[in-house]
C-alpha cells in the first residue's frame, strides 16, 4: 500500500549548482512560534481575568507587557525572514498575521479599558 503523498514532489528550485529543496526561512519559523506563544499567553491572561472577575494583580500587567514585546519581536523576525534568499516565506506571512492579530487584540483591550 502506497503512502499518502508519496508521489508528491518536494518544492525544489534551480540554483547555479543544480536543484535544491526550498526550505522555510528561519525568521519565519521564529515569527510563527512567537505568534502562537503570544496568542496562547493572551488567551491565558484573558481567562485568568475572567475567572477572577477583573481583579487581576500586577503579574497580569507584566505578562501583558511581555506579550506586546514578544508580538513586536515576532513581527520583526517575520520581516527579516522575507529578506532570506531562496527560502519559503509561508511561515513569515502566517507569523506576521498572528503577531499583528495579538497586537490588535491588546490595542482593543486597552482602548476598551479607557472608556
PDB file of N, CA and C in Angstrom:
ATOM      1  N   UNK A   1       0.841  -1.168   0.000  1.00  0.00           N
ATOM      2  CA  UNK A   1       0.000   0.000   0.000  1.00  0.00           C
ATOM      3  C   UNK A   1       0.892   1.239   0.000  1.00  0.00           C
ATOM      4  N   UNK A   2       0.615   2.129  -0.899  1.00  0.00           N
ATOM      5  CA  UNK A   2       1.435   3.333  -1.041  1.00  0.00           C
ATOM      6  C   UNK A   2       1.084   4.351   0.042  1.00  0.00           C
ATOM      7  N   UNK A   3       2.084   5.043   0.472  1.00  0.00           N
ATOM      8  CA  UNK A   3       1.861   6.086   1.460  1.00  0.00           C
ATOM      9  C   UNK A   3       1.229   7.296   0.791  1.00  0.00           C
ATOM     10  N   UNK A   4       0.394   7.963   1.545  1.00  0.00           N
ATOM     11  CA  UNK A   4      -0.260   9.139   1.011  1.00  0.00           C
ATOM     12  C   UNK A   4       0.764  10.255   0.805  1.00  0.00           C
ATOM     13  N   UNK A   5       0.751  10.852  -0.362  1.00  0.00           N
ATOM     14  CA  UNK A   5       1.665  11.938  -0.661  1.00  0.00           C
ATOM     15  C   UNK A   5       3.032  11.474  -1.114  1.00  0.00           C
ATOM     16  N   UNK A   6       3.182  10.171  -1.378  1.00  0.00           N
ATOM     17  CA  UNK A   6       4.483   9.653  -1.787  1.00  0.00           C
ATOM     18  C   UNK A   6       4.850  10.142  -3.182  1.00  0.00           C
ATOM     19  N   UNK A   7       3.851  10.394  -4.017  1.00  0.00           N
ATOM     20  CA  UNK A   7       4.132  10.829  -5.377  1.00  0.00           C
ATOM     21  C   UNK A   7       4.363  12.334  -5.480  1.00  0.00           C
ATOM     22  N   UNK A   8       4.067  13.045  -4.431  1.00  0.00           N
ATOM     23  CA  UNK A   8       4.260  14.484  -4.470  1.00  0.00           C
ATOM     24  C   UNK A   8       5.742  14.811  -4.487  1.00  0.00           C
ATOM     25  N   UNK A   9       6.085  15.770  -5.320  1.00  0.00           N
ATOM     26  CA  UNK A   9       7.466  16.224  -5.328  1.00  0.00           C
ATOM     27  C   UNK A   9       7.647  17.316  -4.287  1.00  0.00           C
ATOM     28  N   UNK A  10       8.779  17.309  -3.660  1.00  0.00           N
ATOM     29  CA  UNK A  10       9.108  18.391  -2.743  1.00  0.00           C
ATOM     30  C   UNK A  10       9.347  19.644  -3.573  1.00  0.00           C
ATOM     31  N   UNK A  11       9.079  20.798  -2.980  1.00  0.00           N
ATOM     32  CA  UNK A  11       9.334  22.032  -3.708  1.00  0.00           C
ATOM     33  C   UNK A  11      10.842  22.191  -3.868  1.00  0.00           C
ATOM     34  N   UNK A  12      11.245  22.332  -5.094  1.00  0.00           N
ATOM     35  CA  UNK A  12      12.664  22.496  -5.388  1.00  0.00           C
ATOM     36  C   UNK A  12      12.847  23.731  -6.239  1.00  0.00           C
ATOM     37  N   UNK A  13      14.036  24.273  -6.176  1.00  0.00           N
ATOM     38  CA  UNK A  13      14.382  25.414  -7.001  1.00  0.00           C
ATOM     39  C   UNK A  13      15.663  25.096  -7.754  1.00  0.00           C
ATOM     40  N   UNK A  14      15.802  25.701  -8.900  1.00  0.00           N
ATOM     41  CA  UNK A  14      17.030  25.542  -9.666  1.00  0.00           C
ATOM     42  C   UNK A  14      18.012  26.613  -9.231  1.00  0.00           C
ATOM     43  N   UNK A  15      19.193  26.183  -8.875  1.00  0.00           N
ATOM     44  CA  UNK A  15      20.233  27.119  -8.480  1.00  0.00           C
ATOM     45  C   UNK A  15      21.395  27.004  -9.450  1.00  0.00           C
ATOM     46  N   UNK A  16      22.411  27.744  -9.186  1.00  0.00           N
ATOM     47  CA  UNK A  16      23.613  27.723 -10.007  1.00  0.00           C
ATOM     48  C   UNK A  16      24.268  26.338 -10.012  1.00  0.00           C
ATOM     49  N   UNK A  17      24.066  25.602  -8.921  1.00  0.00           N
ATOM     50  CA  UNK A  17      24.727  24.311  -8.766  1.00  0.00           C
ATOM     51  C   UNK A  17      23.785  23.129  -8.948  1.00  0.00           C
ATOM     52  N   UNK A  18      22.580  23.345  -9.399  1.00  0.00           N
ATOM     53  CA  UNK A  18      21.625  22.255  -9.595  1.00  0.00           C
ATOM     54  C   UNK A  18      20.341  22.518  -8.835  1.00  0.00           C
ATOM     55  N   UNK A  19      19.635  21.446  -8.492  1.00  0.00           N
ATOM     56  CA  UNK A  19      18.361  21.574  -7.786  1.00  0.00           C
ATOM     57  C   UNK A  19      18.577  21.493  -6.282  1.00  0.00           C
ATOM     58  N   UNK A  20      17.830  22.314  -5.551  1.00  0.00           N
ATOM     59  CA  UNK A  20      17.869  22.292  -4.093  1.00  0.00           C
ATOM     60  C   UNK A  20      16.459  22.355  -3.565  1.00  0.00           C
ATOM     61  N   UNK A  21      16.250  21.754  -2.399  1.00  0.00           N
ATOM     62  CA  UNK A  21      14.936  21.840  -1.755  1.00  0.00           C
ATOM     63  C   UNK A  21      14.704  23.258  -1.256  1.00  0.00           C
ATOM     64  N   UNK A  22      13.466  23.702  -1.371  1.00  0.00           N
ATOM     65  CA  UNK A  22      13.092  25.012  -0.872  1.00  0.00           C
ATOM     66  C   UNK A  22      12.737  24.871   0.603  1.00  0.00           C
ATOM     67  N   UNK A  23      13.547  25.452   1.480  1.00  0.00           N
ATOM     68  CA  UNK A  23      13.337  25.338   2.913  1.00  0.00           C
ATOM     69  C   UNK A  23      12.645  26.582   3.442  1.00  0.00           C
ATOM     70  N   UNK A  24      12.113  26.478   4.641  1.00  0.00           N
ATOM     71  CA  UNK A  24      11.440  27.614   5.261  1.00  0.00           C
ATOM     72  C   UNK A  24      12.473  28.567   5.847  1.00  0.00           C
ATOM     73  N   UNK A  25      12.136  29.833   5.820  1.00  0.00           N
ATOM     74  CA  UNK A  25      13.020  30.859   6.370  1.00  0.00           C
ATOM     75  C   UNK A  25      13.043  30.746   7.894  1.00  0.00           C
ATOM     76  N   UNK A  26      14.230  30.886   8.473  1.00  0.00           N
ATOM     77  CA  UNK A  26      14.356  30.804   9.930  1.00  0.00           C
ATOM     78  C   UNK A  26      13.579  31.911  10.634  1.00  0.00           C
ATOM     79  N   UNK A  27      13.636  33.098  10.075  1.00  0.00           N
ATOM     80  CA  UNK A  27      12.901  34.211  10.667  1.00  0.00           C
ATOM     81  C   UNK A  27      11.402  33.954  10.663  1.00  0.00           C
ATOM     82  N   UNK A  28      10.918  33.294   9.612  1.00  0.00           N
ATOM     83  CA  UNK A  28       9.503  32.966   9.540  1.00  0.00           C
ATOM     84  C   UNK A  28       9.094  31.950  10.590  1.00  0.00           C
ATOM     85  N   UNK A  29       9.936  30.960  10.806  1.00  0.00           N
ATOM     86  CA  UNK A  29       9.635  29.959  11.833  1.00  0.00           C
ATOM     87  C   UNK A  29       9.644  30.589  13.229  1.00  0.00           C
ATOM     88  N   UNK A  30      10.619  31.468  13.493  1.00  0.00           N
ATOM     89  CA  UNK A  30      10.657  32.160  14.786  1.00  0.00           C
ATOM     90  C   UNK A  30       9.415  33.026  14.961  1.00  0.00           C
ATOM     91  N   UNK A  31       9.021  33.712  13.887  1.00  0.00           N
ATOM     92  CA  UNK A  31       7.846  34.576  13.943  1.00  0.00           C
ATOM     93  C   UNK A  31       6.585  33.768  14.213  1.00  0.00           C
ATOM     94  N   UNK A  32       6.446  32.623  13.571  1.00  0.00           N
ATOM     95  CA  UNK A  32       5.275  31.763  13.765  1.00  0.00           C
ATOM     96  C   UNK A  32       5.216  31.232  15.195  1.00  0.00           C
ATOM     97  N   UNK A  33       6.356  30.793  15.712  1.00  0.00           N
ATOM     98  CA  UNK A  33       6.401  30.265  17.078  1.00  0.00           C
ATOM     99  C   UNK A  33       6.054  31.372  18.080  1.00  0.00           C
ATOM    100  N   UNK A  34       6.588  32.567  17.865  1.00  0.00           N
ATOM    101  CA  UNK A  34       6.258  33.670  18.777  1.00  0.00           C
ATOM    102  C   UNK A  34       4.789  34.050  18.660  1.00  0.00           C
ATOM    103  N   UNK A  35       4.228  33.974  17.457  1.00  0.00           N
ATOM    104  CA  UNK A  35       2.809  34.279  17.285  1.00  0.00           C
ATOM    105  C   UNK A  35       1.922  33.315  18.046  1.00  0.00           C
ATOM    106  N   UNK A  36       2.231  32.034  17.952  1.00  0.00           N
ATOM    107  CA  UNK A  36       1.447  31.030  18.675  1.00  0.00           C
ATOM    108  C   UNK A  36       1.629  31.214  20.181  1.00  0.00           C
ATOM    109  N   UNK A  37       2.859  31.453  20.615  1.00  0.00           N
ATOM    110  CA  UNK A  37       3.137  31.649  22.040  1.00  0.00           C
ATOM    111  C   UNK A  37       2.386  32.858  22.592  1.00  0.00           C
ATOM    112  N   UNK A  38       2.420  33.973  21.876  1.00  0.00           N
ATOM    113  CA  UNK A  38       1.730  35.164  22.362  1.00  0.00           C
ATOM    114  C   UNK A  38       0.220  34.990  22.343  1.00  0.00           C
ATOM    115  N   UNK A  39      -0.294  34.270  21.354  1.00  0.00           N
ATOM    116  CA  UNK A  39      -1.737  34.024  21.304  1.00  0.00           C
ATOM    117  C   UNK A  39      -2.184  33.178  22.495  1.00  0.00           C
ATOM    118  N   UNK A  40      -1.400  32.164  22.841  1.00  0.00           N
ATOM    119  CA  UNK A  40      -1.726  31.309  23.989  1.00  0.00           C
ATOM    120  C   UNK A  40      -1.622  32.109  25.289  1.00  0.00           C
ATOM    121  N   UNK A  41      -0.562  32.908  25.435  1.00  0.00           N
ATOM    122  CA  UNK A  41      -0.412  33.719  26.649  1.00  0.00           C
ATOM    123  C   UNK A  41      -1.548  34.729  26.796  1.00  0.00           C
ATOM    124  N   UNK A  42      -1.944  35.353  25.679  1.00  0.00           N
ATOM    125  CA  UNK A  42      -3.053  36.308  25.739  1.00  0.00           C
ATOM    126  C   UNK A  42      -4.347  35.615  26.143  1.00  0.00           C
ATOM    127  N   UNK A  43      -4.584  34.419  25.601  1.00  0.00           N
ATOM    128  CA  UNK A  43      -5.774  33.660  25.971  1.00  0.00           C
ATOM    129  C   UNK A  43      -5.758  33.313  27.458  1.00  0.00           C
ATOM    130  N   UNK A  44      -4.591  32.916  27.975  1.00  0.00           N
ATOM    131  CA  UNK A  44      -4.497  32.563  29.395  1.00  0.00           C
ATOM    132  C   UNK A  44      -4.715  33.784  30.302  1.00  0.00           C
ATOM    133  N   UNK A  45      -4.185  34.936  29.907  1.00  0.00           N
ATOM    134  CA  UNK A  45      -4.382  36.147  30.712  1.00  0.00           C
ATOM    135  C   UNK A  45      -5.855  36.552  30.697  1.00  0.00           C
ATOM    136  N   UNK A  46      -6.497  36.471  29.532  1.00  0.00           N
ATOM    137  CA  UNK A  46      -7.923  36.803  29.456  1.00  0.00           C
ATOM    138  C   UNK A  46      -8.764  35.823  30.267  1.00  0.00           C
ATOM    139  N   UNK A  47      -8.401  34.540  30.228  1.00  0.00           N
ATOM    140  CA  UNK A  47      -9.108  33.534  31.016  1.00  0.00           C
ATOM    141  C   UNK A  47      -8.938  33.791  32.508  1.00  0.00           C
ATOM    142  N   UNK A  48      -7.715  34.121  32.921  1.00  0.00           N
ATOM    143  CA  UNK A  48      -7.454  34.414  34.324  1.00  0.00           C
ATOM    144  C   UNK A  48      -8.255  35.645  34.775  1.00  0.00           C
ATOM    145  N   UNK A  49      -8.297  36.663  33.926  1.00  0.00           N
ATOM    146  CA  UNK A  49      -9.057  37.869  34.260  1.00  0.00           C
ATOM    147  C   UNK A  49     -10.551  37.576  34.359  1.00  0.00           C
ATOM    148  N   UNK A  50     -11.040  36.722  33.485  1.00  0.00           N
ATOM    149  CA  UNK A  50     -12.460  36.364  33.524  1.00  0.00           C
ATOM    150  C   UNK A  50     -12.788  35.569  34.776  1.00  0.00           C
ATOM    151  N   UNK A  51     -11.909  34.655  35.166  1.00  0.00           N
ATOM    152  CA  UNK A  51     -12.181  33.798  36.321  1.00  0.00           C
ATOM    153  C   UNK A  51     -12.172  34.559  37.639  1.00  0.00           C
ATOM    154  N   UNK A  52     -11.356  35.611  37.744  1.00  0.00           N
ATOM    155  CA  UNK A  52     -11.311  36.374  38.987  1.00  0.00           C
ATOM    156  C   UNK A  52     -12.126  37.662  38.883  1.00  0.00           C
ATOM    157  N   UNK A  53     -12.998  37.750  37.910  1.00  0.00           N
ATOM    158  CA  UNK A  53     -13.934  38.870  37.711  1.00  0.00           C
ATOM    159  C   UNK A  53     -13.229  40.217  37.602  1.00  0.00           C
ATOM    160  N   UNK A  54     -12.099  40.246  36.903  1.00  0.00           N
ATOM    161  CA  UNK A  54     -11.422  41.507  36.641  1.00  0.00           C
ATOM    162  C   UNK A  54     -10.477  41.975  37.723  1.00  0.00           C
ATOM    163  N   UNK A  55     -10.376  41.261  38.818  1.00  0.00           N
ATOM    164  CA  UNK A  55      -9.491  41.652  39.929  1.00  0.00           C
ATOM    165  C   UNK A  55      -8.119  41.005  39.726  1.00  0.00           C
ATOM    166  N   UNK A  56      -7.397  41.443  38.707  1.00  0.00           N
ATOM    167  CA  UNK A  56      -6.090  40.857  38.420  1.00  0.00           C
ATOM    168  C   UNK A  56      -5.008  41.620  39.157  1.00  0.00           C
ATOM    169  N   UNK A  57      -3.883  40.983  39.339  1.00  0.00           N
ATOM    170  CA  UNK A  57      -2.789  41.604  40.071  1.00  0.00           C
ATOM    171  C   UNK A  57      -1.733  42.138  39.105  1.00  0.00           C
ATOM    172  N   UNK A  58      -0.629  42.599  39.642  1.00  0.00           N
ATOM    173  CA  UNK A  58       0.433  43.204  38.845  1.00  0.00           C
ATOM    174  C   UNK A  58       1.092  42.192  37.917  1.00  0.00           C
ATOM    175  N   UNK A  59       1.076  40.924  38.278  1.00  0.00           N
ATOM    176  CA  UNK A  59       1.676  39.898  37.431  1.00  0.00           C
ATOM    177  C   UNK A  59       1.009  39.854  36.056  1.00  0.00           C
ATOM    178  N   UNK A  60      -0.297  40.012  36.007  1.00  0.00           N
ATOM    179  CA  UNK A  60      -1.012  40.000  34.728  1.00  0.00           C
ATOM    180  C   UNK A  60      -0.585  41.179  33.866  1.00  0.00           C
ATOM    181  N   UNK A  61      -0.369  42.334  34.484  1.00  0.00           N
ATOM    182  CA  UNK A  61       0.078  43.504  33.725  1.00  0.00           C
ATOM    183  C   UNK A  61       1.463  43.286  33.136  1.00  0.00           C
ATOM    184  N   UNK A  62       2.333  42.664  33.919  1.00  0.00           N
ATOM    185  CA  UNK A  62       3.682  42.380  33.430  1.00  0.00           C
ATOM    186  C   UNK A  62       3.626  41.382  32.284  1.00  0.00           C
ATOM    187  N   UNK A  63       2.770  40.380  32.381  1.00  0.00           N
ATOM    188  CA  UNK A  63       2.628  39.386  31.310  1.00  0.00           C
ATOM    189  C   UNK A  63       2.080  40.042  30.049  1.00  0.00           C
ATOM    190  N   UNK A  64       1.148  40.976  30.175  1.00  0.00           N
ATOM    191  CA  UNK A  64       0.604  41.660  29.003  1.00  0.00           C
ATOM    192  C   UNK A  64       1.678  42.516  28.328  1.00  0.00           C
ATOM    193  N   UNK A  65       2.504  43.177  29.114  1.00  0.00           N
ATOM    194  CA  UNK A  65       3.614  43.947  28.535  1.00  0.00           C
ATOM    195  C   UNK A  65       4.580  43.005  27.828  1.00  0.00           C
ATOM    196  N   UNK A  66       4.854  41.850  28.412  1.00  0.00           N
ATOM    197  CA  UNK A  66       5.711  40.844  27.784  1.00  0.00           C
ATOM    198  C   UNK A  66       5.087  40.341  26.482  1.00  0.00           C
ATOM    199  N   UNK A  67       3.776  40.142  26.459  1.00  0.00           N
ATOM    200  CA  UNK A  67       3.086  39.698  25.245  1.00  0.00           C
ATOM    201  C   UNK A  67       3.260  40.732  24.146  1.00  0.00           C
ATOM    202  N   UNK A  68       3.108  42.008  24.477  1.00  0.00           N
ATOM    203  CA  UNK A  68       3.291  43.063  23.484  1.00  0.00           C
ATOM    204  C   UNK A  68       4.703  43.079  22.927  1.00  0.00           C
ATOM    205  N   UNK A  69       5.682  42.931  23.809  1.00  0.00           N
ATOM    206  CA  UNK A  69       7.075  42.900  23.362  1.00  0.00           C
ATOM    207  C   UNK A  69       7.336  41.712  22.447  1.00  0.00           C
ATOM    208  N   UNK A  70       6.852  40.524  22.836  1.00  0.00           N
ATOM    209  CA  UNK A  70       7.068  39.332  22.011  1.00  0.00           C
ATOM    210  C   UNK A  70       6.367  39.442  20.662  1.00  0.00           C
ATOM    211  N   UNK A  71       5.197  40.076  20.631  1.00  0.00           N
ATOM    212  CA  UNK A  71       4.485  40.237  19.366  1.00  0.00           C
ATOM    213  C   UNK A  71       5.245  41.167  18.424  1.00  0.00           C
ATOM    214  N   UNK A  72       5.774  42.256  18.962  1.00  0.00           N
ATOM    215  CA  UNK A  72       6.566  43.173  18.127  1.00  0.00           C
ATOM    216  C   UNK A  72       7.833  42.481  17.640  1.00  0.00           C
ATOM    217  N   UNK A  73       8.442  41.720  18.521  1.00  0.00           N
ATOM    218  CA  UNK A  73       9.648  40.970  18.142  1.00  0.00           C
ATOM    219  C   UNK A  73       9.326  39.925  17.063  1.00  0.00           C
ATOM    220  N   UNK A  74       8.172  39.288  17.169  1.00  0.00           N
ATOM    221  CA  UNK A  74       7.759  38.306  16.172  1.00  0.00           C
ATOM    222  C   UNK A  74       7.538  38.936  14.812  1.00  0.00           C
ATOM    223  N   UNK A  75       6.985  40.137  14.784  1.00  0.00           N
ATOM    224  CA  UNK A  75       6.810  40.840  13.511  1.00  0.00           C
ATOM    225  C   UNK A  75       8.170  41.169  12.903  1.00  0.00           C
ATOM    226  N   UNK A  76       9.104  41.577  13.740  1.00  0.00           N
ATOM    227  CA  UNK A  76      10.455  41.875  13.227  1.00  0.00           C
ATOM    228  C   UNK A  76      11.123  40.620  12.668  1.00  0.00           C
ATOM    229  N   UNK A  77      10.956  39.470  13.345  1.00  0.00           N
ATOM    230  CA  UNK A  77      11.511  38.220  12.819  1.00  0.00           C
ATOM    231  C   UNK A  77      10.864  37.855  11.489  1.00  0.00           C
ATOM    232  N   UNK A  78       9.561  38.082  11.368  1.00  0.00           N
ATOM    233  CA  UNK A  78       8.868  37.774  10.118  1.00  0.00           C
ATOM    234  C   UNK A  78       9.366  38.621   8.971  1.00  0.00           C
ATOM    235  N   UNK A  79       9.581  39.901   9.229  1.00  0.00           N
ATOM    236  CA  UNK A  79      10.101  40.783   8.189  1.00  0.00           C
ATOM    237  C   UNK A  79      11.513  40.377   7.809  1.00  0.00           C
ATOM    238  N   UNK A  80      12.313  39.987   8.786  1.00  0.00           N
ATOM    239  CA  UNK A  80      13.675  39.521   8.497  1.00  0.00           C
ATOM    240  C   UNK A  80      13.645  38.231   7.683  1.00  0.00           C
ATOM    241  N   UNK A  81      12.619  37.396   7.902  1.00  0.00           N
ATOM    242  CA  UNK A  81      12.501  36.154   7.138  1.00  0.00           C
ATOM    243  C   UNK A  81      12.238  36.388   5.667  1.00  0.00           C
ATOM    244  N   UNK A  82      11.563  37.494   5.337  1.00  0.00           N
ATOM    245  CA  UNK A  82      11.332  37.813   3.931  1.00  0.00           C
ATOM    246  C   UNK A  82      12.623  38.147   3.198  1.00  0.00           C
ATOM    247  N   UNK A  83      13.632  38.599   3.930  1.00  0.00           N
ATOM    248  CA  UNK A  83      14.889  39.003   3.312  1.00  0.00           C
ATOM    249  C   UNK A  83      15.828  37.829   3.056  1.00  0.00           C
ATOM    250  N   UNK A  84      15.502  36.647   3.569  1.00  0.00           N
ATOM    251  CA  UNK A  84      16.348  35.483   3.337  1.00  0.00           C
ATOM    252  C   UNK A  84      16.171  35.008   1.901  1.00  0.00           C
ATOM    253  N   UNK A  85      17.266  34.754   1.237  1.00  0.00           N
ATOM    254  CA  UNK A  85      17.239  34.373  -0.167  1.00  0.00           C
ATOM    255  C   UNK A  85      16.871  32.902  -0.337  1.00  0.00           C
ATOM    256  N   UNK A  86      16.087  32.621  -1.360  1.00  0.00           N
ATOM    257  CA  UNK A  86      15.708  31.271  -1.776  1.00  0.00           C
ATOM    258  C   UNK A  86      15.116  30.452  -0.633  1.00  0.00           C
ATOM    259  N   UNK A  87      14.194  31.041   0.093  1.00  0.00           N
ATOM    260  CA  UNK A  87      13.512  30.365   1.195  1.00  0.00           C
ATOM    261  C   UNK A  87      12.010  30.544   1.026  1.00  0.00           C
ATOM    262  N   UNK A  88      11.251  29.624   1.578  1.00  0.00           N
ATOM    263  CA  UNK A  88       9.801  29.720   1.561  1.00  0.00           C
ATOM    264  C   UNK A  88       9.358  30.743   2.605  1.00  0.00           C
ATOM    265  N   UNK A  89       8.429  31.605   2.240  1.00  0.00           N
ATOM    266  CA  UNK A  89       8.005  32.670   3.149  1.00  0.00           C
ATOM    267  C   UNK A  89       6.627  32.409   3.740  1.00  0.00           C
ATOM    268  N   UNK A  90       6.134  31.184   3.690  1.00  0.00           N
ATOM    269  CA  UNK A  90       4.804  30.876   4.208  1.00  0.00           C
ATOM    270  C   UNK A  90       4.694  31.198   5.694  1.00  0.00           C
ATOM    271  N   UNK A  91       5.653  30.737   6.489  1.00  0.00           N
ATOM    272  CA  UNK A  91       5.599  30.973   7.926  1.00  0.00           C
ATOM    273  C   UNK A  91       5.854  32.437   8.271  1.00  0.00           C
ATOM    274  N   UNK A  92       6.554  33.165   7.404  1.00  0.00           N
ATOM    275  CA  UNK A  92       6.717  34.608   7.621  1.00  0.00           C
ATOM    276  C   UNK A  92       5.363  35.294   7.570  1.00  0.00           C
ATOM    277  N   UNK A  93       4.585  34.955   6.561  1.00  0.00           N
ATOM    278  CA  UNK A  93       3.265  35.570   6.395  1.00  0.00           C
ATOM    279  C   UNK A  93       2.334  35.193   7.544  1.00  0.00           C
ATOM    280  N   UNK A  94       2.311  33.926   7.907  1.00  0.00           N
ATOM    281  CA  UNK A  94       1.431  33.478   8.988  1.00  0.00           C
ATOM    282  C   UNK A  94       1.874  34.076  10.323  1.00  0.00           C
ATOM    283  N   UNK A  95       3.171  34.118  10.579  1.00  0.00           N
ATOM    284  CA  UNK A  95       3.694  34.674  11.830  1.00  0.00           C
ATOM    285  C   UNK A  95       3.393  36.153  11.968  1.00  0.00           C
ATOM    286  N   UNK A  96       3.560  36.906  10.888  1.00  0.00           N
ATOM    287  CA  UNK A  96       3.246  38.335  10.936  1.00  0.00           C
ATOM    288  C   UNK A  96       1.754  38.528  11.171  1.00  0.00           C
ATOM    289  N   UNK A  97       0.930  37.695  10.547  1.00  0.00           N
ATOM    290  CA  UNK A  97      -0.514  37.787  10.754  1.00  0.00           C
ATOM    291  C   UNK A  97      -0.911  37.498  12.196  1.00  0.00           C
ATOM    292  N   UNK A  98      -0.349  36.431  12.776  1.00  0.00           N
ATOM    293  CA  UNK A  98      -0.661  36.091  14.168  1.00  0.00           C
ATOM    294  C   UNK A  98      -0.208  37.177  15.137  1.00  0.00           C
ATOM    295  N   UNK A  99       1.010  37.663  14.942  1.00  0.00           N
ATOM    296  CA  UNK A  99       1.523  38.695  15.844  1.00  0.00           C
ATOM    297  C   UNK A  99       0.750  40.005  15.682  1.00  0.00           C
ATOM    298  N   UNK A 100       0.361  40.319  14.459  1.00  0.00           N
ATOM    299  CA  UNK A 100      -0.465  41.500  14.243  1.00  0.00           C
ATOM    300  C   UNK A 100      -1.824  41.360  14.894  1.00  0.00           C
ATOM    301  N   UNK A 101      -2.379  40.150  14.838  1.00  0.00           N
ATOM    302  CA  UNK A 101      -3.670  39.891  15.481  1.00  0.00           C
ATOM    303  C   UNK A 101      -3.566  40.064  16.997  1.00  0.00           C
ATOM    304  N   UNK A 102      -2.478  39.600  17.578  1.00  0.00           N
ATOM    305  CA  UNK A 102      -2.268  39.749  19.020  1.00  0.00           C
ATOM    306  C   UNK A 102      -2.122  41.226  19.391  1.00  0.00           C
ATOM    307  N   UNK A 103      -1.342  41.977  18.597  1.00  0.00           N
ATOM    308  CA  UNK A 103      -1.196  43.406  18.881  1.00  0.00           C
ATOM    309  C   UNK A 103      -2.520  44.142  18.736  1.00  0.00           C
ATOM    310  N   UNK A 104      -3.319  43.766  17.742  1.00  0.00           N
ATOM    311  CA  UNK A 104      -4.639  44.371  17.577  1.00  0.00           C
ATOM    312  C   UNK A 104      -5.523  44.053  18.777  1.00  0.00           C
ATOM    313  N   UNK A 105      -5.464  42.815  19.262  1.00  0.00           N
ATOM    314  CA  UNK A 105      -6.231  42.426  20.445  1.00  0.00           C
ATOM    315  C   UNK A 105      -5.818  43.217  21.674  1.00  0.00           C
ATOM    316  N   UNK A 106      -4.511  43.402  21.865  1.00  0.00           N
ATOM    317  CA  UNK A 106      -4.033  44.195  23.003  1.00  0.00           C
ATOM    318  C   UNK A 106      -4.492  45.646  22.885  1.00  0.00           C
ATOM    319  N   UNK A 107      -4.451  46.177  21.668  1.00  0.00           N
ATOM    320  CA  UNK A 107      -4.890  47.550  21.450  1.00  0.00           C
ATOM    321  C   UNK A 107      -6.383  47.699  21.745  1.00  0.00           C
ATOM    322  N   UNK A 108      -7.183  46.731  21.314  1.00  0.00           N
ATOM    323  CA  UNK A 108      -8.617  46.794  21.572  1.00  0.00           C
ATOM    324  C   UNK A 108      -8.929  46.670  23.059  1.00  0.00           C
ATOM    325  N   UNK A 109      -8.189  45.822  23.753  1.00  0.00           N
ATOM    326  CA  UNK A 109      -8.382  45.692  25.206  1.00  0.00           C
ATOM    327  C   UNK A 109      -8.020  47.006  25.899  1.00  0.00           C
ATOM    328  N   UNK A 110      -6.950  47.635  25.469  1.00  0.00           N
ATOM    329  CA  UNK A 110      -6.521  48.897  26.061  1.00  0.00           C
ATOM    330  C   UNK A 110      -7.553  50.005  25.789  1.00  0.00           C
ATOM    331  N   UNK A 111      -8.011  50.103  24.545  1.00  0.00           N
ATOM    332  CA  UNK A 111      -8.989  51.130  24.202  1.00  0.00           C
ATOM    333  C   UNK A 111     -10.310  50.897  24.939  1.00  0.00           C
ATOM    334  N   UNK A 112     -10.733  49.646  25.042  1.00  0.00           N
ATOM    335  CA  UNK A 112     -11.967  49.328  25.764  1.00  0.00           C
ATOM    336  C   UNK A 112     -11.826  49.671  27.252  1.00  0.00           C
ATOM    337  N   UNK A 113     -10.646  49.537  27.791  1.00  0.00           N
ATOM    338  CA  UNK A 113     -10.428  49.866  29.193  1.00  0.00           C
ATOM    339  C   UNK A 113     -10.458  51.356  29.475  1.00  0.00           C
ATOM    340  N   UNK A 114     -10.212  52.170  28.437  1.00  0.00           N
ATOM    341  CA  UNK A 114     -10.224  53.621  28.639  1.00  0.00           C
ATOM    342  C   UNK A 114     -11.632  54.166  28.786  1.00  0.00           C
ATOM    343  N   UNK A 115     -12.597  53.523  28.146  1.00  0.00           N
ATOM    344  CA  UNK A 115     -13.969  54.071  28.148  1.00  0.00           C
ATOM    345  C   UNK A 115     -14.900  53.298  29.015  1.00  0.00           C
TER     346      UNK A 115
END
